[in-house]
Amino acid sequence: MKPYDDCIYCGGQVEERLERIDYRYHGQLFIIEQVPTGVCRQCGEKFFTAEVAKRLERVASEANQAIRTVAVPVLSL
């Protein structure tokens, strides 16, 4: 069984890659690396399996185990 169906937006083929994800949890922004992500080869839309989505939430909730911290500029248009 394939972990990902075709893209629900454009119908393109979705392949798994390890991506860096910007993830928001309780109003905070986290950057999570090495996330198994389904990426559409045609439009670039990203998808997660249910297991990965649960792991993302768990990792963000345990933010005291961060491997490093970066400053992020905030801009206004």
C-alpha atoms as a PDB file:
ATOM      1  CA  MET A   1       0.000   0.000   0.000  1.00  0.00           C
ATOM      2  CA  LYS A   2       1.289   3.487  -0.901  1.00  0.00           C
ATOM      3  CA  PRO A   3       1.605   5.875   2.054  1.00  0.00           C
ATOM      4  CA  TYR A   4       0.202   8.723  -0.088  1.00  0.00           C
ATOM      5  CA  ASP A   5      -2.493   8.903  -2.747  1.00  0.00           C
ATOM      6  CA  ASP A   6      -2.194  11.234  -5.715  1.00  0.00           C
ATOM      7  CA  CYS A   7      -2.445  14.962  -4.917  1.00  0.00           C
ATOM      8  CA  ILE A   8      -5.981  15.998  -3.992  1.00  0.00           C
ATOM      9  CA  TYR A   9      -5.433  19.417  -5.601  1.00  0.00           C
ATOM     10  CA  CYS A  10      -3.875  18.684  -9.002  1.00  0.00           C
ATOM     11  CA  GLY A  11      -3.827  14.893  -9.298  1.00  0.00           C
ATOM     12  CA  GLY A  12      -0.018  14.783  -9.475  1.00  0.00           C
ATOM     13  CA  GLN A  13       2.131  11.985  -8.101  1.00  0.00           C
ATOM     14  CA  VAL A  14       3.112  12.385  -4.439  1.00  0.00           C
ATOM     15  CA  GLU A  15       6.547  11.167  -3.335  1.00  0.00           C
ATOM     16  CA  GLU A  16       7.999  11.001   0.152  1.00  0.00           C
ATOM     17  CA  ARG A  17      10.895  13.302   1.066  1.00  0.00           C
ATOM     18  CA  LEU A  18      12.509  14.438   4.304  1.00  0.00           C
ATOM     19  CA  GLU A  19      11.561  18.104   4.668  1.00  0.00           C
ATOM     20  CA  ARG A  20      12.030  20.984   7.091  1.00  0.00           C
ATOM     21  CA  ILE A  21       8.574  22.002   8.320  1.00  0.00           C
ATOM     22  CA  ASP A  22       7.435  25.295   9.874  1.00  0.00           C
ATOM     23  CA  TYR A  23       4.931  24.093  12.492  1.00  0.00           C
ATOM     24  CA  ARG A  24       2.708  26.218  14.718  1.00  0.00           C
ATOM     25  CA  TYR A  25       1.617  24.850  18.089  1.00  0.00           C
ATOM     26  CA  HIS A  26      -0.276  26.888  20.712  1.00  0.00           C
ATOM     27  CA  GLY A  27       0.697  30.158  19.048  1.00  0.00           C
ATOM     28  CA  GLN A  28       4.406  29.344  18.814  1.00  0.00           C
ATOM     29  CA  LEU A  29       6.413  28.681  15.661  1.00  0.00           C
ATOM     30  CA  PHE A  30       8.683  25.627  15.556  1.00  0.00           C
ATOM     31  CA  ILE A  31      11.012  24.480  12.794  1.00  0.00           C
ATOM     32  CA  ILE A  32      11.079  20.694  12.688  1.00  0.00           C
ATOM     33  CA  GLU A  33      13.686  19.001  10.508  1.00  0.00           C
ATOM     34  CA  GLN A  34      13.854  15.575   8.870  1.00  0.00           C
ATOM     35  CA  VAL A  35      10.052  15.190   8.654  1.00  0.00           C
ATOM     36  CA  PRO A  36       8.800  12.412   6.327  1.00  0.00           C
ATOM     37  CA  THR A  37       6.526  14.412   4.018  1.00  0.00           C
ATOM     38  CA  GLY A  38       4.528  13.544   0.930  1.00  0.00           C
ATOM     39  CA  VAL A  39       5.324  16.207  -1.687  1.00  0.00           C
ATOM     40  CA  CYS A  40       3.403  16.529  -4.959  1.00  0.00           C
ATOM     41  CA  ARG A  41       5.836  16.381  -7.876  1.00  0.00           C
ATOM     42  CA  GLN A  42       3.551  18.654  -9.908  1.00  0.00           C
ATOM     43  CA  CYS A  43       2.348  21.451  -7.601  1.00  0.00           C
ATOM     44  CA  GLY A  44       4.532  21.040  -4.486  1.00  0.00           C
ATOM     45  CA  GLU A  45       1.658  20.604  -2.016  1.00  0.00           C
ATOM     46  CA  LYS A  46       2.745  18.776   1.158  1.00  0.00           C
ATOM     47  CA  PHE A  47       0.954  15.959   2.963  1.00  0.00           C
ATOM     48  CA  PHE A  48       1.541  14.040   6.203  1.00  0.00           C
ATOM     49  CA  THR A  49       0.447  10.594   7.277  1.00  0.00           C
ATOM     50  CA  ALA A  50      -1.631  10.466  10.486  1.00  0.00           C
ATOM     51  CA  GLU A  51       1.346   8.980  12.331  1.00  0.00           C
ATOM     52  CA  VAL A  52       3.666  11.829  11.269  1.00  0.00           C
ATOM     53  CA  ALA A  53       1.039  14.467  12.179  1.00  0.00           C
ATOM     54  CA  LYS A  54       0.808  13.005  15.699  1.00  0.00           C
ATOM     55  CA  ARG A  55       4.610  12.952  16.001  1.00  0.00           C
ATOM     56  CA  LEU A  56       4.819  16.620  14.923  1.00  0.00           C
ATOM     57  CA  GLU A  57       2.410  17.623  17.685  1.00  0.00           C
ATOM     58  CA  ARG A  58       4.261  15.533  20.269  1.00  0.00           C
ATOM     59  CA  VAL A  59       7.668  16.996  19.307  1.00  0.00           C
ATOM     60  CA  ALA A  60       6.303  20.573  19.478  1.00  0.00           C
ATOM     61  CA  SER A  61       4.734  19.897  22.879  1.00  0.00           C
ATOM     62  CA  GLU A  62       8.169  18.784  24.137  1.00  0.00           C
ATOM     63  CA  ALA A  63       9.893  21.964  22.936  1.00  0.00           C
ATOM     64  CA  ASN A  64      12.237  21.966  25.930  1.00  0.00           C
ATOM     65  CA  GLN A  65      14.204  19.320  23.989  1.00  0.00           C
ATOM     66  CA  ALA A  66      15.045  21.690  21.108  1.00  0.00           C
ATOM     67  CA  ILE A  67      18.391  21.002  19.433  1.00  0.00           C
ATOM     68  CA  ARG A  68      18.943  24.711  18.717  1.00  0.00           C
ATOM     69  CA  THR A  69      17.123  28.070  18.636  1.00  0.00           C
ATOM     70  CA  VAL A  70      17.135  30.613  15.795  1.00  0.00           C
ATOM     71  CA  ALA A  71      15.983  34.230  15.649  1.00  0.00           C
ATOM     72  CA  VAL A  72      13.217  34.857  13.103  1.00  0.00           C
ATOM     73  CA  PRO A  73      12.591  38.402  11.815  1.00  0.00           C
ATOM     74  CA  VAL A  74       8.975  39.588  11.931  1.00  0.00           C
ATOM     75  CA  LEU A  75       7.943  41.910   9.088  1.00  0.00           C
ATOM     76  CA  SER A  76       4.799  43.773   8.141  1.00  0.00           C
ATOM     77  CA  LEU A  77       3.579  44.558   4.654  1.00  0.00           C
END
